[in-house]
Amino acid sequence: MSGDGGGPWLQVTGNGAKSWIFRFTLRGRARAMGLGSASPFSLAEARDEALVCRTVCAGGNDPIEARKAERQGLAARAAHALAVRIKPLCASPDLEQVSPSARRPEERVRLVEIGLDAEEKREKRP
């Protein structure tokens, strides 16, 4: 690994792949966080990302955990947006004509997870 003093480290693997790494110590524990491949990200972009990570560390937080929380929040918002778009489609008469037992098990599980189980809709009808 090579550092330039600006924060990110360039890691080169045995097969020549290059990636940017942010190295930090938090609560006495040395850690390294990948910032991305060196081919699409310039040194300036890697420095900017390292600065954000340093700011998170200065607040006493782990930038790796912060990134995980951000990704989970994005995934939850995306799932909600998808459910909102799919719900009208699942209410179509064509879908309700398909027997729940004729569906693939993973499809039925997905519909139940997002609250769109056609069998439940049939039970709620007057």
N, C-alpha and C. Protein backbone atom coordinates (compact mmCIF):
# COMPACT_ATOMS: atom_id res chain seq x y z
N MET A 1 0.85 -1.19 0.00
CA MET A 1 0.00 0.00 0.00
C MET A 1 0.88 1.24 0.00
N SER A 2 0.40 2.27 -0.65
CA SER A 2 1.11 3.54 -0.64
C SER A 2 0.16 4.65 -0.25
N GLY A 3 0.65 5.53 0.61
CA GLY A 3 -0.13 6.69 1.03
C GLY A 3 0.52 7.96 0.52
N ASP A 4 -0.30 8.97 0.30
CA ASP A 4 0.25 10.23 -0.20
C ASP A 4 0.21 11.32 0.85
N GLY A 5 -0.25 10.99 2.05
CA GLY A 5 -0.35 11.98 3.11
C GLY A 5 -1.67 12.72 3.11
N GLY A 6 -2.47 12.52 2.10
CA GLY A 6 -3.76 13.21 2.00
C GLY A 6 -4.91 12.39 2.53
N GLY A 7 -4.66 11.19 3.03
CA GLY A 7 -5.73 10.40 3.61
C GLY A 7 -5.93 9.02 3.00
N PRO A 8 -6.20 8.92 1.71
CA PRO A 8 -6.44 7.58 1.17
C PRO A 8 -5.13 6.85 0.88
N TRP A 9 -5.20 5.54 0.91
CA TRP A 9 -4.06 4.69 0.58
C TRP A 9 -4.41 3.94 -0.70
N LEU A 10 -3.43 3.74 -1.56
CA LEU A 10 -3.63 2.97 -2.78
C LEU A 10 -3.18 1.55 -2.51
N GLN A 11 -4.10 0.62 -2.63
CA GLN A 11 -3.79 -0.80 -2.41
C GLN A 11 -3.70 -1.47 -3.78
N VAL A 12 -2.63 -2.20 -4.00
CA VAL A 12 -2.44 -2.93 -5.26
C VAL A 12 -2.33 -4.41 -4.90
N THR A 13 -3.24 -5.22 -5.45
CA THR A 13 -3.24 -6.65 -5.16
C THR A 13 -2.23 -7.37 -6.04
N GLY A 14 -2.04 -8.64 -5.80
CA GLY A 14 -1.10 -9.45 -6.56
C GLY A 14 -1.41 -9.49 -8.05
N ASN A 15 -2.69 -9.42 -8.40
CA ASN A 15 -3.04 -9.48 -9.83
C ASN A 15 -3.08 -8.09 -10.48
N GLY A 16 -2.67 -7.06 -9.73
CA GLY A 16 -2.58 -5.71 -10.29
C GLY A 16 -3.81 -4.84 -10.10
N ALA A 17 -4.85 -5.35 -9.44
CA ALA A 17 -6.05 -4.54 -9.20
C ALA A 17 -5.72 -3.46 -8.17
N LYS A 18 -6.19 -2.23 -8.44
CA LYS A 18 -5.90 -1.10 -7.55
C LYS A 18 -7.18 -0.57 -6.94
N SER A 19 -7.12 -0.28 -5.64
CA SER A 19 -8.28 0.29 -4.97
C SER A 19 -7.84 1.27 -3.89
N TRP A 20 -8.72 2.19 -3.57
CA TRP A 20 -8.45 3.19 -2.53
C TRP A 20 -8.93 2.66 -1.19
N ILE A 21 -8.11 2.85 -0.17
CA ILE A 21 -8.40 2.39 1.20
C ILE A 21 -8.27 3.57 2.15
N PHE A 22 -9.18 3.64 3.11
CA PHE A 22 -9.06 4.62 4.20
C PHE A 22 -8.71 3.84 5.45
N ARG A 23 -7.55 4.13 6.03
CA ARG A 23 -7.09 3.46 7.25
C ARG A 23 -7.32 4.38 8.43
N PHE A 24 -7.85 3.81 9.52
CA PHE A 24 -8.14 4.62 10.70
C PHE A 24 -8.08 3.76 11.95
N THR A 25 -7.97 4.42 13.08
CA THR A 25 -8.01 3.76 14.38
C THR A 25 -9.16 4.36 15.16
N LEU A 26 -10.02 3.51 15.66
CA LEU A 26 -11.17 3.97 16.43
C LEU A 26 -11.30 3.09 17.67
N ARG A 27 -11.34 3.73 18.83
CA ARG A 27 -11.42 3.03 20.11
C ARG A 27 -10.29 2.00 20.25
N GLY A 28 -9.09 2.39 19.81
CA GLY A 28 -7.91 1.54 19.95
C GLY A 28 -7.83 0.40 18.95
N ARG A 29 -8.71 0.36 17.99
CA ARG A 29 -8.74 -0.72 17.02
C ARG A 29 -8.43 -0.18 15.62
N ALA A 30 -7.39 -0.74 14.98
CA ALA A 30 -7.03 -0.33 13.62
C ALA A 30 -7.98 -0.98 12.63
N ARG A 31 -8.49 -0.17 11.70
CA ARG A 31 -9.44 -0.67 10.70
C ARG A 31 -9.08 -0.10 9.34
N ALA A 32 -9.60 -0.72 8.30
CA ALA A 32 -9.42 -0.23 6.93
C ALA A 32 -10.76 -0.33 6.22
N MET A 33 -11.07 0.72 5.49
CA MET A 33 -12.36 0.79 4.79
C MET A 33 -12.09 1.03 3.30
N GLY A 34 -12.68 0.20 2.45
CA GLY A 34 -12.53 0.39 1.02
C GLY A 34 -13.32 1.61 0.55
N LEU A 35 -12.68 2.42 -0.28
CA LEU A 35 -13.34 3.61 -0.83
C LEU A 35 -13.76 3.40 -2.28
N GLY A 36 -13.24 2.37 -2.91
CA GLY A 36 -13.60 2.09 -4.29
C GLY A 36 -12.39 1.79 -5.15
N SER A 37 -12.67 1.33 -6.35
CA SER A 37 -11.62 1.00 -7.30
C SER A 37 -10.89 2.26 -7.75
N ALA A 38 -9.60 2.13 -8.00
CA ALA A 38 -8.81 3.29 -8.41
C ALA A 38 -9.07 3.69 -9.85
N SER A 39 -9.63 2.79 -10.67
CA SER A 39 -9.83 3.15 -12.07
C SER A 39 -10.92 4.20 -12.28
N PRO A 40 -12.10 4.10 -11.65
CA PRO A 40 -13.07 5.17 -11.88
C PRO A 40 -12.92 6.37 -10.96
N PHE A 41 -12.19 6.22 -9.83
CA PHE A 41 -12.08 7.31 -8.86
C PHE A 41 -10.68 7.91 -8.90
N SER A 42 -10.62 9.21 -9.04
CA SER A 42 -9.34 9.91 -9.05
C SER A 42 -8.81 10.05 -7.62
N LEU A 43 -7.58 10.46 -7.51
CA LEU A 43 -6.98 10.71 -6.20
C LEU A 43 -7.76 11.81 -5.47
N ALA A 44 -8.17 12.84 -6.19
CA ALA A 44 -8.93 13.93 -5.57
C ALA A 44 -10.26 13.42 -5.00
N GLU A 45 -10.94 12.55 -5.74
CA GLU A 45 -12.21 11.98 -5.24
C GLU A 45 -11.96 11.09 -4.03
N ALA A 46 -10.89 10.33 -4.06
CA ALA A 46 -10.55 9.47 -2.92
C ALA A 46 -10.22 10.32 -1.70
N ARG A 47 -9.52 11.44 -1.90
CA ARG A 47 -9.23 12.35 -0.78
C ARG A 47 -10.50 12.93 -0.20
N ASP A 48 -11.45 13.32 -1.06
CA ASP A 48 -12.72 13.86 -0.58
C ASP A 48 -13.47 12.83 0.26
N GLU A 49 -13.50 11.60 -0.20
CA GLU A 49 -14.18 10.54 0.54
C GLU A 49 -13.46 10.26 1.86
N ALA A 50 -12.13 10.28 1.85
CA ALA A 50 -11.36 10.07 3.08
C ALA A 50 -11.63 11.19 4.08
N LEU A 51 -11.80 12.42 3.59
CA LEU A 51 -12.11 13.55 4.46
C LEU A 51 -13.47 13.34 5.15
N VAL A 52 -14.43 12.85 4.40
CA VAL A 52 -15.75 12.55 4.99
C VAL A 52 -15.59 11.49 6.07
N CYS A 53 -14.82 10.45 5.78
CA CYS A 53 -14.60 9.38 6.76
C CYS A 53 -13.89 9.89 8.00
N ARG A 54 -12.88 10.77 7.81
CA ARG A 54 -12.18 11.35 8.96
C ARG A 54 -13.13 12.17 9.82
N THR A 55 -14.06 12.88 9.19
CA THR A 55 -15.05 13.68 9.92
C THR A 55 -15.94 12.77 10.76
N VAL A 56 -16.35 11.66 10.19
CA VAL A 56 -17.18 10.69 10.93
C VAL A 56 -16.40 10.15 12.12
N CYS A 57 -15.12 9.82 11.90
CA CYS A 57 -14.27 9.32 13.00
C CYS A 57 -14.10 10.36 14.09
N ALA A 58 -13.94 11.62 13.69
CA ALA A 58 -13.75 12.71 14.67
C ALA A 58 -14.97 12.83 15.58
N GLY A 59 -16.12 12.46 15.07
CA GLY A 59 -17.34 12.47 15.89
C GLY A 59 -17.47 11.24 16.77
N GLY A 60 -16.47 10.35 16.73
CA GLY A 60 -16.50 9.15 17.56
C GLY A 60 -17.28 8.01 16.94
N ASN A 61 -17.62 8.12 15.66
CA ASN A 61 -18.39 7.08 15.00
C ASN A 61 -17.53 6.30 14.02
N ASP A 62 -17.96 5.10 13.73
CA ASP A 62 -17.26 4.22 12.80
C ASP A 62 -17.77 4.49 11.39
N PRO A 63 -16.92 4.92 10.46
CA PRO A 63 -17.39 5.21 9.10
C PRO A 63 -17.92 3.97 8.37
N ILE A 64 -17.40 2.79 8.73
CA ILE A 64 -17.89 1.56 8.10
C ILE A 64 -19.34 1.32 8.52
N GLU A 65 -19.62 1.47 9.82
CA GLU A 65 -20.99 1.30 10.31
C GLU A 65 -21.91 2.38 9.76
N ALA A 66 -21.39 3.61 9.63
CA ALA A 66 -22.19 4.70 9.07
C ALA A 66 -22.58 4.40 7.63
N ARG A 67 -21.65 3.84 6.85
CA ARG A 67 -21.94 3.49 5.46
C ARG A 67 -22.98 2.37 5.40
N LYS A 68 -22.86 1.37 6.29
CA LYS A 68 -23.84 0.29 6.33
C LYS A 68 -25.23 0.83 6.64
N ALA A 69 -25.32 1.73 7.61
CA ALA A 69 -26.61 2.30 7.98
C ALA A 69 -27.20 3.11 6.82
N GLU A 70 -26.35 3.83 6.12
CA GLU A 70 -26.82 4.61 4.96
C GLU A 70 -27.35 3.69 3.87
N ARG A 71 -26.64 2.61 3.60
CA ARG A 71 -27.07 1.66 2.57
C ARG A 71 -28.37 0.98 2.96
N GLN A 72 -28.53 0.64 4.24
CA GLN A 72 -29.76 0.00 4.69
C GLN A 72 -30.94 0.96 4.54
N GLY A 73 -30.70 2.24 4.85
CA GLY A 73 -31.75 3.25 4.68
C GLY A 73 -32.13 3.41 3.23
N LEU A 74 -31.15 3.40 2.34
CA LEU A 74 -31.44 3.49 0.91
C LEU A 74 -32.21 2.27 0.43
N ALA A 75 -31.82 1.09 0.91
CA ALA A 75 -32.51 -0.14 0.51
C ALA A 75 -33.95 -0.13 1.00
N ALA A 76 -34.17 0.35 2.22
CA ALA A 76 -35.53 0.40 2.76
C ALA A 76 -36.39 1.36 1.95
N ARG A 77 -35.83 2.52 1.59
CA ARG A 77 -36.58 3.48 0.76
C ARG A 77 -36.89 2.90 -0.61
N ALA A 78 -35.93 2.19 -1.18
CA ALA A 78 -36.14 1.58 -2.50
C ALA A 78 -37.22 0.50 -2.43
N ALA A 79 -37.20 -0.30 -1.37
CA ALA A 79 -38.21 -1.35 -1.21
C ALA A 79 -39.60 -0.74 -1.06
N HIS A 80 -39.69 0.35 -0.32
CA HIS A 80 -40.98 1.02 -0.15
C HIS A 80 -41.48 1.58 -1.48
N ALA A 81 -40.57 2.21 -2.23
CA ALA A 81 -40.95 2.77 -3.53
C ALA A 81 -41.42 1.67 -4.47
N LEU A 82 -40.75 0.52 -4.43
CA LEU A 82 -41.15 -0.60 -5.27
C LEU A 82 -42.51 -1.13 -4.86
N ALA A 83 -42.74 -1.25 -3.56
CA ALA A 83 -44.04 -1.74 -3.08
C ALA A 83 -45.17 -0.81 -3.50
N VAL A 84 -44.91 0.49 -3.45
CA VAL A 84 -45.93 1.45 -3.86
C VAL A 84 -46.26 1.28 -5.34
N ARG A 85 -45.24 1.02 -6.16
CA ARG A 85 -45.47 0.86 -7.61
C ARG A 85 -46.10 -0.50 -7.93
N ILE A 86 -45.76 -1.53 -7.17
CA ILE A 86 -46.26 -2.87 -7.47
C ILE A 86 -47.69 -3.08 -6.98
N LYS A 87 -48.05 -2.42 -5.90
CA LYS A 87 -49.36 -2.67 -5.29
C LYS A 87 -50.51 -2.54 -6.28
N PRO A 88 -50.58 -1.49 -7.11
CA PRO A 88 -51.69 -1.42 -8.08
C PRO A 88 -51.65 -2.57 -9.08
N LEU A 89 -50.47 -3.03 -9.44
CA LEU A 89 -50.37 -4.14 -10.38
C LEU A 89 -50.88 -5.44 -9.76
N CYS A 90 -50.61 -5.62 -8.47
CA CYS A 90 -51.03 -6.83 -7.79
C CYS A 90 -52.53 -6.85 -7.55
N ALA A 91 -53.16 -5.71 -7.62
CA ALA A 91 -54.60 -5.64 -7.43
C ALA A 91 -55.35 -5.94 -8.72
N SER A 92 -54.63 -6.17 -9.81
CA SER A 92 -55.29 -6.41 -11.09
C SER A 92 -56.01 -7.75 -11.08
N PRO A 93 -57.13 -7.85 -11.79
CA PRO A 93 -57.89 -9.10 -11.83
C PRO A 93 -57.07 -10.26 -12.40
N ASP A 94 -56.15 -9.98 -13.31
CA ASP A 94 -55.34 -11.05 -13.90
C ASP A 94 -54.53 -11.77 -12.85
N LEU A 95 -53.93 -11.03 -11.93
CA LEU A 95 -53.11 -11.64 -10.89
C LEU A 95 -53.96 -12.43 -9.91
N GLU A 96 -55.13 -11.92 -9.59
CA GLU A 96 -55.97 -12.59 -8.61
C GLU A 96 -56.56 -13.89 -9.15
N GLN A 97 -56.58 -14.05 -10.47
CA GLN A 97 -57.09 -15.28 -11.05
C GLN A 97 -56.10 -16.42 -10.92
N VAL A 98 -54.84 -16.09 -10.69
CA VAL A 98 -53.82 -17.12 -10.53
C VAL A 98 -53.91 -17.67 -9.11
N SER A 99 -54.05 -18.95 -9.01
CA SER A 99 -54.14 -19.58 -7.69
C SER A 99 -52.84 -19.39 -6.93
N PRO A 100 -52.91 -19.03 -5.64
CA PRO A 100 -51.67 -18.87 -4.86
C PRO A 100 -50.81 -20.13 -4.87
N SER A 101 -51.45 -21.31 -4.94
CA SER A 101 -50.67 -22.55 -4.94
C SER A 101 -49.95 -22.76 -6.27
N ALA A 102 -50.40 -22.06 -7.34
CA ALA A 102 -49.76 -22.19 -8.64
C ALA A 102 -48.52 -21.30 -8.76
N ARG A 103 -48.36 -20.37 -7.85
CA ARG A 103 -47.20 -19.48 -7.89
C ARG A 103 -45.97 -20.20 -7.37
N ARG A 104 -44.82 -19.72 -7.79
CA ARG A 104 -43.57 -20.24 -7.25
C ARG A 104 -43.49 -19.83 -5.78
N PRO A 105 -42.92 -20.68 -4.92
CA PRO A 105 -42.87 -20.35 -3.49
C PRO A 105 -42.18 -19.02 -3.20
N GLU A 106 -41.06 -18.73 -3.91
CA GLU A 106 -40.35 -17.48 -3.63
C GLU A 106 -41.18 -16.26 -4.04
N GLU A 107 -42.03 -16.41 -5.07
CA GLU A 107 -42.89 -15.30 -5.48
C GLU A 107 -43.94 -15.03 -4.40
N ARG A 108 -44.51 -16.11 -3.86
CA ARG A 108 -45.51 -15.96 -2.80
C ARG A 108 -44.89 -15.32 -1.56
N VAL A 109 -43.68 -15.74 -1.21
CA VAL A 109 -42.99 -15.17 -0.05
C VAL A 109 -42.79 -13.67 -0.26
N ARG A 110 -42.34 -13.26 -1.45
CA ARG A 110 -42.12 -11.84 -1.73
C ARG A 110 -43.43 -11.05 -1.59
N LEU A 111 -44.53 -11.59 -2.10
CA LEU A 111 -45.80 -10.89 -2.00
C LEU A 111 -46.24 -10.75 -0.54
N VAL A 112 -46.01 -11.79 0.24
CA VAL A 112 -46.38 -11.73 1.65
C VAL A 112 -45.50 -10.72 2.38
N GLU A 113 -44.18 -10.68 2.05
CA GLU A 113 -43.27 -9.75 2.71
C GLU A 113 -43.68 -8.30 2.52
N ILE A 114 -44.18 -7.97 1.34
CA ILE A 114 -44.56 -6.58 1.10
C ILE A 114 -46.05 -6.34 1.30
N GLY A 115 -46.76 -7.33 1.85
CA GLY A 115 -48.16 -7.16 2.20
C GLY A 115 -49.11 -7.21 1.02
N LEU A 116 -48.77 -7.98 0.01
CA LEU A 116 -49.61 -8.01 -1.19
C LEU A 116 -50.08 -9.42 -1.51
N ASP A 117 -50.31 -10.22 -0.52
CA ASP A 117 -50.74 -11.58 -0.75
C ASP A 117 -52.17 -11.59 -1.29
N ALA A 118 -52.36 -12.12 -2.47
CA ALA A 118 -53.67 -12.12 -3.13
C ALA A 118 -54.68 -12.93 -2.34
N GLU A 119 -54.23 -13.98 -1.65
CA GLU A 119 -55.15 -14.79 -0.86
C GLU A 119 -55.77 -13.97 0.26
N GLU A 120 -54.98 -13.11 0.90
CA GLU A 120 -55.51 -12.24 1.95
C GLU A 120 -56.54 -11.29 1.37
N LYS A 121 -56.31 -10.78 0.17
CA LYS A 121 -57.25 -9.85 -0.45
C LYS A 121 -58.59 -10.52 -0.70
N ARG A 122 -58.57 -11.80 -1.10
CA ARG A 122 -59.82 -12.51 -1.35
C ARG A 122 -60.62 -12.66 -0.06
N GLU A 123 -59.91 -12.91 1.05
CA GLU A 123 -60.59 -13.09 2.33
C GLU A 123 -61.23 -11.79 2.81
N LYS A 124 -60.65 -10.65 2.47
CA LYS A 124 -61.16 -9.37 2.95
C LYS A 124 -62.34 -8.86 2.13
N ARG A 125 -62.56 -9.43 0.95
CA ARG A 125 -63.67 -8.97 0.10
C ARG A 125 -65.02 -9.33 0.72
N PRO A 126 -66.02 -8.44 0.55
CA PRO A 126 -67.35 -8.76 1.13
C PRO A 126 -68.05 -9.85 0.36
